[in-house]
Amino acid sequence: MISPSLLSANFANLEKEMAWFNQSSADWLHIDIMDGVFVPNISFGFPVLEHVARICNKPLDVHLMIVQPEKFINEVKALGAYIMNVHYEACPHLHRVIGQIHEAGMKAGVTLNPATPVSVLEDIAADLDLVLLMSVNPGFGGQKFIPHTLQKVVALRQLLERTGSKALIEVDGGVNLETGRQLKAAGADVLVAGSHIFSAPDPAAACKALSEL
C-alpha cells in the first residue's frame, strides 16, 4: 500500500494536488502534523486540514508528531481520519491513548523514531492496527533513508507474529523505488513517500510505480 505524504505537496495549490491524487493508485493520504516542540518544524494545523479533508476522497492517515497528541483526538476524528498515529516517545500512557483512539472510532497506530527499538511495543502490539517506523529523523522531508530500518522491519514482523498482532507495518522516510523494494522484501505493508512522489514530473505515475513493486 502507498500513502503519499502531504508534507511534500505544493501548499500553494492543494486543490490541484488533490485532483491527481484522487485519481491515482494511492491508498491513503499521509498527513504529518508537527508542533515545533516534539519535532523541529511546524507543518499545518486543523483549519488547513479541514479543507484538505473536504477535497480528498481517500482515507486519511494522520500522523501526529506532537507532544500530548491525546488532546487532539476529537479534532482528528472530526477530519474523518481513518488512522490516528501517535509517537511512542510522546505518550507516557500509551495504552490509554490507544484505547481513546479506538473509542473515537478510528484505527490506532504507533510510531517509533529511528533510535527506538521495536521491543518497546511488546506489551501493546496486540492492541495496534498499525506500527509506523521512521526511516529518517522526523521533522523534515527529503532526508536520506536510514539502512538499519530494514532490520527493524524484520524484527517488528517477528514481534507482531509472536504477539498475535494484526498490525500493518508502515515505513516513512527516504522511500523511493530502491528503498521501497528493499522494505517490501523485509516485510513492510505500507510505504509513505513524499518528495519521491510529489516532486516527480508525473506524481501519479511515480505513485503507481511504487505500488507495483
Protein backbone atom coordinates (compact mmCIF):
# COMPACT_ATOMS: atom_id res chain seq x y z
CA MET A 1 0.00 0.00 0.00
CA ILE A 2 1.12 3.57 -0.72
CA SER A 3 0.44 6.61 1.47
CA PRO A 4 1.82 9.77 -0.22
CA SER A 5 2.86 12.43 2.28
CA LEU A 6 1.04 15.76 2.08
CA LEU A 7 4.11 17.41 3.63
CA SER A 8 5.77 17.37 0.20
CA ALA A 9 2.79 18.75 -1.72
CA ASN A 10 2.58 22.22 -3.23
CA PHE A 11 0.82 24.13 -0.44
CA ALA A 12 0.06 26.99 -2.83
CA ASN A 13 -2.19 24.72 -4.89
CA LEU A 14 -3.50 21.88 -2.75
CA GLU A 15 -6.68 21.61 -4.82
CA LYS A 16 -4.63 20.77 -7.92
CA GLU A 17 -2.55 18.28 -5.93
CA MET A 18 -5.67 16.55 -4.64
CA ALA A 19 -7.09 16.37 -8.17
CA TRP A 20 -4.36 14.00 -9.42
CA PHE A 21 -4.11 12.29 -6.04
CA ASN A 22 -7.81 11.35 -6.01
CA GLN A 23 -7.42 9.68 -9.41
CA SER A 24 -4.16 7.92 -8.52
CA SER A 25 -3.40 4.42 -7.24
CA ALA A 26 -2.59 5.82 -3.76
CA ASP A 27 -4.31 4.01 -0.90
CA TRP A 28 -4.16 6.67 1.83
CA LEU A 29 -3.10 10.30 2.26
CA HIS A 30 -0.38 10.62 4.90
CA ILE A 31 -0.68 13.81 6.96
CA ASP A 32 2.20 14.87 9.24
CA ILE A 33 1.09 17.29 11.94
CA MET A 34 4.15 18.94 13.55
CA ASP A 35 4.24 21.30 16.53
CA GLY A 36 7.81 22.64 16.57
CA VAL A 37 8.25 21.08 20.03
CA PHE A 38 8.32 17.31 19.58
CA VAL A 39 10.00 17.82 16.20
CA PRO A 40 11.99 20.87 14.99
CA ASN A 41 9.42 22.05 12.49
CA ILE A 42 5.80 23.23 12.21
CA SER A 43 3.68 21.88 9.36
CA PHE A 44 -0.04 22.64 9.26
CA GLY A 45 -2.96 22.75 11.66
CA PHE A 46 -6.59 21.70 11.63
CA PRO A 47 -8.04 24.77 9.81
CA VAL A 48 -5.96 23.86 6.73
CA LEU A 49 -6.60 20.13 7.09
CA GLU A 50 -10.36 20.64 7.23
CA HIS A 51 -10.16 21.95 3.67
CA VAL A 52 -7.89 19.10 2.58
CA ALA A 53 -10.29 16.55 4.07
CA ARG A 54 -13.17 18.02 2.06
CA ILE A 55 -11.38 17.61 -1.28
CA CYS A 56 -9.62 14.30 -0.58
CA ASN A 57 -11.59 11.15 -1.37
CA LYS A 58 -9.12 8.65 0.10
CA PRO A 59 -8.64 7.56 3.74
CA LEU A 60 -6.61 9.96 5.88
CA ASP A 61 -3.53 8.51 7.58
CA VAL A 62 -2.93 11.16 10.26
CA HIS A 63 0.49 11.12 11.96
CA LEU A 64 0.81 13.41 14.99
CA MET A 65 4.44 14.44 15.56
CA ILE A 66 3.45 16.45 18.62
CA VAL A 67 3.52 16.43 22.40
CA GLN A 68 0.31 15.35 24.14
CA PRO A 69 -1.41 14.07 20.96
CA GLU A 70 -4.28 12.74 23.08
CA LYS A 71 -5.56 16.32 23.39
CA PHE A 72 -6.48 16.31 19.70
CA ILE A 73 -8.33 13.03 19.31
CA ASN A 74 -11.63 14.80 18.73
CA GLU A 75 -10.11 17.15 16.12
CA VAL A 76 -8.56 14.23 14.23
CA LYS A 77 -11.86 12.36 14.37
CA ALA A 78 -13.66 15.45 13.03
CA LEU A 79 -11.43 15.32 9.94
CA GLY A 80 -12.89 11.89 9.21
CA ALA A 81 -9.48 10.27 9.72
CA TYR A 82 -9.15 6.54 9.13
CA ILE A 83 -6.00 6.20 11.25
CA MET A 84 -4.66 8.32 14.09
CA ASN A 85 -1.00 7.66 14.66
CA VAL A 86 0.89 8.82 17.77
CA HIS A 87 4.54 8.58 18.77
CA TYR A 88 5.59 6.11 21.43
CA GLU A 89 8.09 8.74 22.62
CA ALA A 90 5.33 11.32 23.16
CA CYS A 91 2.88 9.12 25.10
CA PRO A 92 3.81 8.04 28.64
CA HIS A 93 0.33 6.49 28.96
CA LEU A 94 0.25 4.80 25.56
CA HIS A 95 -2.28 2.07 26.39
CA ARG A 96 -4.81 4.69 27.49
CA VAL A 97 -4.30 6.78 24.35
CA ILE A 98 -4.71 3.78 22.05
CA GLY A 99 -7.97 2.96 23.82
CA GLN A 100 -9.21 6.53 23.39
CA ILE A 101 -8.43 6.48 19.67
CA HIS A 102 -10.38 3.24 19.26
CA GLU A 103 -13.28 4.63 21.30
CA ALA A 104 -13.39 7.57 18.88
CA GLY A 105 -13.93 5.11 16.03
CA MET A 106 -10.50 5.32 14.38
CA LYS A 107 -7.75 2.81 13.73
CA ALA A 108 -4.83 3.29 16.14
CA GLY A 109 -1.19 3.47 15.13
CA VAL A 110 2.07 3.98 16.99
CA THR A 111 5.23 5.48 15.51
CA LEU A 112 8.79 4.69 16.56
CA ASN A 113 11.70 7.08 15.97
CA PRO A 114 14.89 5.65 14.43
CA ALA A 115 16.64 5.14 17.81
CA THR A 116 13.63 3.48 19.49
CA PRO A 117 13.75 -0.34 19.41
CA VAL A 118 10.69 -2.30 18.35
CA SER A 119 10.84 -4.27 21.62
CA VAL A 120 9.10 -1.40 23.45
CA LEU A 121 5.85 -2.46 21.74
CA GLU A 122 5.84 -5.97 23.21
CA ASP A 123 3.00 -5.24 25.65
CA ILE A 124 0.85 -3.10 23.35
CA ALA A 125 1.33 -4.71 19.92
CA ALA A 126 -1.83 -6.81 20.08
CA ASP A 127 -3.93 -3.64 20.52
CA LEU A 128 -2.49 -1.83 17.49
CA ASP A 129 -3.77 -1.56 13.94
CA LEU A 130 -0.53 -0.13 12.55
CA VAL A 131 3.09 0.49 13.52
CA LEU A 132 4.99 3.22 11.69
CA LEU A 133 8.78 3.01 11.64
CA MET A 134 10.53 6.30 10.93
CA SER A 135 13.38 5.66 8.50
CA VAL A 136 14.61 9.25 8.93
CA ASN A 137 14.62 11.51 11.97
CA PRO A 138 11.19 13.16 11.97
CA GLY A 139 10.67 16.83 11.27
CA PHE A 140 11.66 17.41 7.65
CA GLY A 141 11.04 15.87 4.26
CA GLY A 142 13.67 14.85 1.73
CA GLN A 143 16.05 13.12 4.14
CA LYS A 144 18.24 10.11 3.37
CA PHE A 145 16.94 6.65 4.27
CA ILE A 146 18.48 5.04 7.38
CA PRO A 147 19.52 1.50 6.29
CA HIS A 148 19.09 -0.03 9.77
CA THR A 149 15.34 0.39 9.27
CA LEU A 150 15.36 -2.80 7.19
CA GLN A 151 16.49 -4.81 10.22
CA LYS A 152 13.82 -3.09 12.33
CA VAL A 153 11.11 -4.12 9.86
CA VAL A 154 12.22 -7.75 10.13
CA ALA A 155 12.34 -7.56 13.94
CA LEU A 156 8.93 -5.88 14.06
CA ARG A 157 7.38 -8.54 11.83
CA GLN A 158 8.67 -11.20 14.20
CA LEU A 159 7.28 -9.32 17.22
CA LEU A 160 3.85 -8.93 15.61
CA GLU A 161 3.68 -12.61 14.76
CA ARG A 162 4.80 -13.60 18.27
CA THR A 163 2.18 -11.41 19.95
CA GLY A 164 -0.60 -12.32 17.54
CA SER A 165 -0.91 -8.71 16.39
CA LYS A 166 -2.63 -7.95 13.08
CA ALA A 167 -0.99 -4.51 12.85
CA LEU A 168 0.28 -3.32 9.48
CA ILE A 169 3.90 -2.19 9.18
CA GLU A 170 4.29 1.28 7.68
CA VAL A 171 7.62 2.98 6.90
CA ASP A 172 8.21 6.72 6.38
CA GLY A 173 11.36 8.50 5.24
CA GLY A 174 13.61 8.34 2.20
CA VAL A 175 11.28 5.97 0.37
CA ASN A 176 11.92 5.59 -3.36
CA LEU A 177 11.88 2.68 -5.81
CA GLU A 178 15.14 1.24 -4.49
CA THR A 179 14.42 1.52 -0.76
CA GLY A 180 10.76 0.67 -1.35
CA ARG A 181 11.73 -2.63 -2.96
CA GLN A 182 14.00 -3.43 -0.01
CA LEU A 183 11.32 -2.53 2.52
CA LYS A 184 8.73 -4.69 0.82
CA ALA A 185 11.14 -7.62 0.83
CA ALA A 186 11.80 -7.06 4.55
CA GLY A 187 8.07 -7.24 5.33
CA ALA A 188 6.65 -3.71 5.14
CA ASP A 189 2.94 -3.36 4.26
CA VAL A 190 2.60 0.40 3.69
CA LEU A 191 5.12 2.86 2.23
CA VAL A 192 4.94 6.59 2.91
CA ALA A 193 6.58 8.65 0.18
CA GLY A 194 6.76 12.43 -0.02
CA SER A 195 9.28 14.11 -2.28
CA HIS A 196 9.69 10.96 -4.42
CA ILE A 197 6.06 11.28 -5.47
CA PHE A 198 5.13 14.95 -5.22
CA SER A 199 8.37 16.19 -6.83
CA ALA A 200 8.18 13.75 -9.73
CA PRO A 201 7.35 15.03 -13.24
CA ASP A 202 4.30 12.75 -13.12
CA PRO A 203 3.32 12.19 -9.46
CA ALA A 204 0.56 9.71 -10.31
CA ALA A 205 2.99 7.60 -12.35
CA ALA A 206 5.55 7.69 -9.52
CA CYS A 207 2.87 6.54 -7.12
CA LYS A 208 1.81 3.72 -9.43
CA ALA A 209 5.41 2.53 -9.85
CA LEU A 210 5.81 2.30 -6.09
CA SER A 211 2.55 0.40 -5.70
CA GLU A 212 3.68 -2.17 -8.29
CA LEU A 213 6.97 -3.08 -6.59
